[in-house]
Protein backbone atom coordinates (compact mmCIF):
# COMPACT_ATOMS: atom_id res chain seq x y z
CA MET A 1 142.09 78.64 149.63
CA ARG A 2 144.07 80.84 147.25
CA PHE A 3 143.25 78.43 144.40
CA LEU A 4 139.51 78.63 145.15
CA LYS A 5 139.60 82.44 145.27
CA SER A 6 141.49 82.49 141.94
CA LEU A 7 138.97 80.08 140.42
CA LEU A 8 136.09 82.22 141.67
CA THR A 9 137.71 85.35 140.29
CA LEU A 10 138.26 83.74 136.86
CA THR A 11 134.72 82.37 136.76
CA LEU A 12 133.18 85.68 137.70
CA ALA A 13 135.40 87.53 135.27
CA ALA A 14 134.11 85.28 132.51
CA VAL A 15 130.57 86.51 133.18
CA GLY A 16 131.61 90.11 133.84
CA VAL A 17 131.14 90.27 137.60
CA SER A 18 133.75 91.73 139.90
CA ALA A 19 135.14 89.29 142.46
CA ALA A 20 135.11 92.07 145.04
CA ALA A 21 131.37 92.40 144.55
CA VAL A 22 130.71 88.90 145.87
CA THR A 23 133.12 88.53 148.74
CA PRO A 24 131.29 87.51 151.93
CA ARG A 25 132.02 90.84 153.62
CA GLY A 26 131.59 93.05 150.58
CA PRO A 27 128.53 94.68 149.09
CA ALA A 28 125.75 92.74 147.38
CA PRO A 29 126.74 91.23 144.04
CA VAL A 30 126.38 93.41 140.99
CA VAL A 31 124.83 91.41 138.16
CA PRO A 32 125.25 92.83 134.66
CA ALA A 33 121.99 93.69 132.92
CA ALA A 34 122.85 91.20 130.17
CA LEU A 35 122.60 88.38 132.73
CA THR A 36 119.30 89.55 134.24
CA ARG A 37 117.39 89.72 130.93
CA ARG A 38 115.42 86.65 130.00
CA THR A 39 117.31 85.11 127.14
CA HIS A 40 115.78 82.78 124.62
CA CYS A 41 117.73 79.71 125.57
CA LEU A 42 116.37 76.21 125.92
CA CYS A 43 115.95 74.84 129.44
CA GLN A 44 115.47 71.18 130.37
CA SER A 45 111.66 71.36 130.25
CA ASP A 46 111.82 72.90 126.73
CA VAL A 47 114.20 70.13 125.68
CA ASN A 48 111.81 67.49 127.01
CA VAL A 49 108.87 69.01 125.10
CA LEU A 50 110.77 69.11 121.79
CA ILE A 51 112.18 65.58 122.19
CA ALA A 52 108.67 64.29 122.93
CA ALA A 53 107.33 66.12 119.85
CA TYR A 54 110.16 64.76 117.67
CA THR A 55 109.48 61.23 118.89
CA ARG A 56 105.73 61.52 118.25
CA ILE A 57 106.28 63.03 114.80
CA LEU A 58 108.37 60.05 113.69
CA THR A 59 106.54 57.35 115.66
CA LYS A 60 102.93 58.13 114.80
CA TRP A 61 102.34 61.22 112.68
CA ASP A 62 99.56 63.47 113.93
CA PRO A 63 98.97 66.68 111.95
CA ALA A 64 98.46 68.52 115.26
CA ASP A 65 102.20 68.10 115.90
CA ALA A 66 103.02 70.18 112.79
CA LYS A 67 102.88 73.20 115.12
CA TYR A 68 106.23 72.03 116.51
CA LEU A 69 107.89 72.56 113.11
CA SER A 70 109.00 76.12 112.37
CA ASP A 71 108.07 77.77 109.08
CA ASP A 72 111.73 77.61 107.97
CA PHE A 73 112.12 73.92 108.95
CA VAL A 74 114.67 71.73 107.14
CA ASP A 75 115.59 68.05 107.64
CA THR A 76 118.99 66.73 106.56
CA SER A 77 120.21 63.13 106.64
CA ASP A 78 122.76 61.45 104.42
CA SER A 79 121.56 58.15 105.95
CA ILE A 80 118.16 58.76 104.36
CA ASN A 81 119.56 60.43 101.25
CA ILE A 82 121.69 57.41 100.31
CA LEU A 83 118.61 55.15 100.51
CA ALA A 84 116.31 57.59 98.71
CA GLY A 85 118.70 58.48 95.90
CA ILE A 86 119.01 62.10 97.03
CA PRO A 87 122.46 63.65 96.55
CA LEU A 88 124.54 63.38 99.70
CA GLY A 89 124.79 66.65 101.61
CA SER A 90 121.45 67.86 100.27
CA PRO A 91 118.46 68.57 102.47
CA THR A 92 116.30 65.47 102.75
CA PHE A 93 113.20 67.58 103.31
CA PRO A 94 114.02 71.18 102.36
CA SER A 95 110.86 72.65 103.86
CA LYS A 96 108.13 72.18 106.42
CA ALA A 97 105.64 71.56 103.60
CA ALA A 98 107.81 68.79 102.07
CA PHE A 99 108.24 67.09 105.45
CA ILE A 100 104.52 67.29 106.29
CA SER A 101 103.60 65.99 102.83
CA HIS A 102 105.86 62.96 103.33
CA GLU A 103 104.58 62.24 106.84
CA THR A 104 100.98 62.61 105.67
CA THR A 105 101.31 60.33 102.63
CA GLN A 106 104.07 57.92 103.75
CA PRO A 107 104.43 58.26 107.53
CA ASP A 108 107.61 56.77 108.93
CA ASN A 109 105.92 55.23 112.00
CA LEU A 110 109.32 54.34 113.45
CA PRO A 111 109.21 52.93 116.99
CA ILE A 112 111.85 55.36 118.22
CA GLN A 113 113.09 54.95 121.76
CA VAL A 114 115.26 57.82 122.98
CA THR A 115 118.10 56.19 124.90
CA PHE A 116 120.11 59.30 125.70
CA LYS A 117 119.18 62.96 125.95
CA GLY A 118 122.55 64.51 125.31
CA PRO A 119 123.90 67.93 125.96
CA PHE A 120 121.96 70.96 124.78
CA ASN A 121 122.65 74.66 124.51
CA CYS A 122 120.52 77.69 123.69
CA ASN A 123 119.33 76.35 120.33
CA TYR A 124 120.49 72.76 119.81
CA ILE A 125 119.57 69.43 121.39
CA SER A 126 121.44 66.18 120.87
CA LEU A 127 119.96 62.75 121.42
CA ILE A 128 120.63 59.10 120.69
CA TRP A 129 117.81 56.76 119.77
CA THR A 130 117.10 53.18 118.70
CA ALA A 131 114.33 51.64 116.64
CA THR A 132 113.68 47.97 115.94
CA PHE A 133 111.04 47.07 113.36
CA GLY A 134 110.52 45.06 110.19
CA ALA A 135 113.32 42.47 110.00
CA GLY A 136 114.19 43.25 113.61
CA LYS A 137 117.66 44.66 113.00
CA PRO A 138 118.23 47.35 115.63
CA VAL A 139 118.80 50.77 114.11
CA ARG A 140 120.74 53.22 116.25
CA GLY A 141 120.95 56.88 115.41
CA ILE A 142 121.94 60.29 116.60
CA THR A 143 119.87 63.42 116.06
CA ILE A 144 120.69 67.07 116.50
CA ILE A 145 117.55 69.17 116.79
CA GLY A 146 117.85 72.86 116.00
CA ALA A 147 115.31 74.90 117.95
CA THR A 148 113.81 78.35 117.58
CA LYS A 149 111.36 80.43 119.57
CA THR A 150 110.31 82.82 116.81
CA ALA A 151 106.63 81.80 117.10
CA GLY A 152 106.52 82.57 120.84
CA TYR A 153 107.08 78.93 121.82
CA TRP A 154 109.85 76.45 121.06
CA GLN A 155 109.72 74.74 117.68
CA ILE A 156 111.97 72.42 115.72
CA LYS A 157 113.84 74.46 113.11
CA SER A 158 116.10 71.68 111.86
CA ILE A 159 116.72 67.99 112.19
CA ASP A 160 120.13 66.54 111.40
CA VAL A 161 119.97 62.78 111.80
CA GLU A 162 122.34 59.94 110.97
CA PHE A 163 121.81 56.25 111.66
CA ASN A 164 122.77 52.74 110.64
CA SER A 165 121.26 52.87 107.16
CA LEU A 166 122.11 49.24 106.32
CA ALA A 167 120.11 47.94 109.30
CA TYR A 168 117.31 50.33 108.32
CA LEU A 169 117.41 49.05 104.74
CA LEU A 170 117.02 45.45 105.95
CA ASP A 171 114.18 46.46 108.28
CA ILE A 172 112.19 48.01 105.42
CA GLY A 173 112.63 44.88 103.30
CA GLY A 174 115.67 45.84 101.27
CA SER A 175 118.86 43.91 100.79
CA PHE A 176 122.51 44.59 100.13
CA LYS A 177 125.63 42.69 99.26
CA PHE A 178 128.94 43.38 100.93
CA PRO A 179 131.76 44.28 98.51
CA GLY A 180 133.65 41.21 97.31
CA GLN A 181 130.76 38.81 97.85
């Protein structure tokens, strides 16, 4: 019992609430104003909306989904950069306009299947996905979506994605030779 009371005290102290304020016989809990304000943090339904938008954007581009990309959007992927000849560590698509231009003229149309909706916090969502197309080599990737609510609704501010670029290369008709062969 002493352990549970200590754990409760430490937990409440972490959020700034007095343990005495929540004892069963004490007064009603005092909740700091900072905890009662609506914060702009993602909740599970927001996460689901943004993951669905991300999947649609890469699976079958529809210009109507551009609303889910923030004005300061950036996409970064060394997996793509190595295949496209873009310097590693550089943004793949440095702006919303560049991304939309690519999707409009050369849409990816990747059959992405989200296999794991990972942990999320106030502004970031992690997910694991697979896509099998072309030569049929399964491509598995991980994406971190940065989110913002500056437009009054949740949008994708950034995409950081890495995946099996060799399988992807084979699926789009490319080839490679292992070192020493």
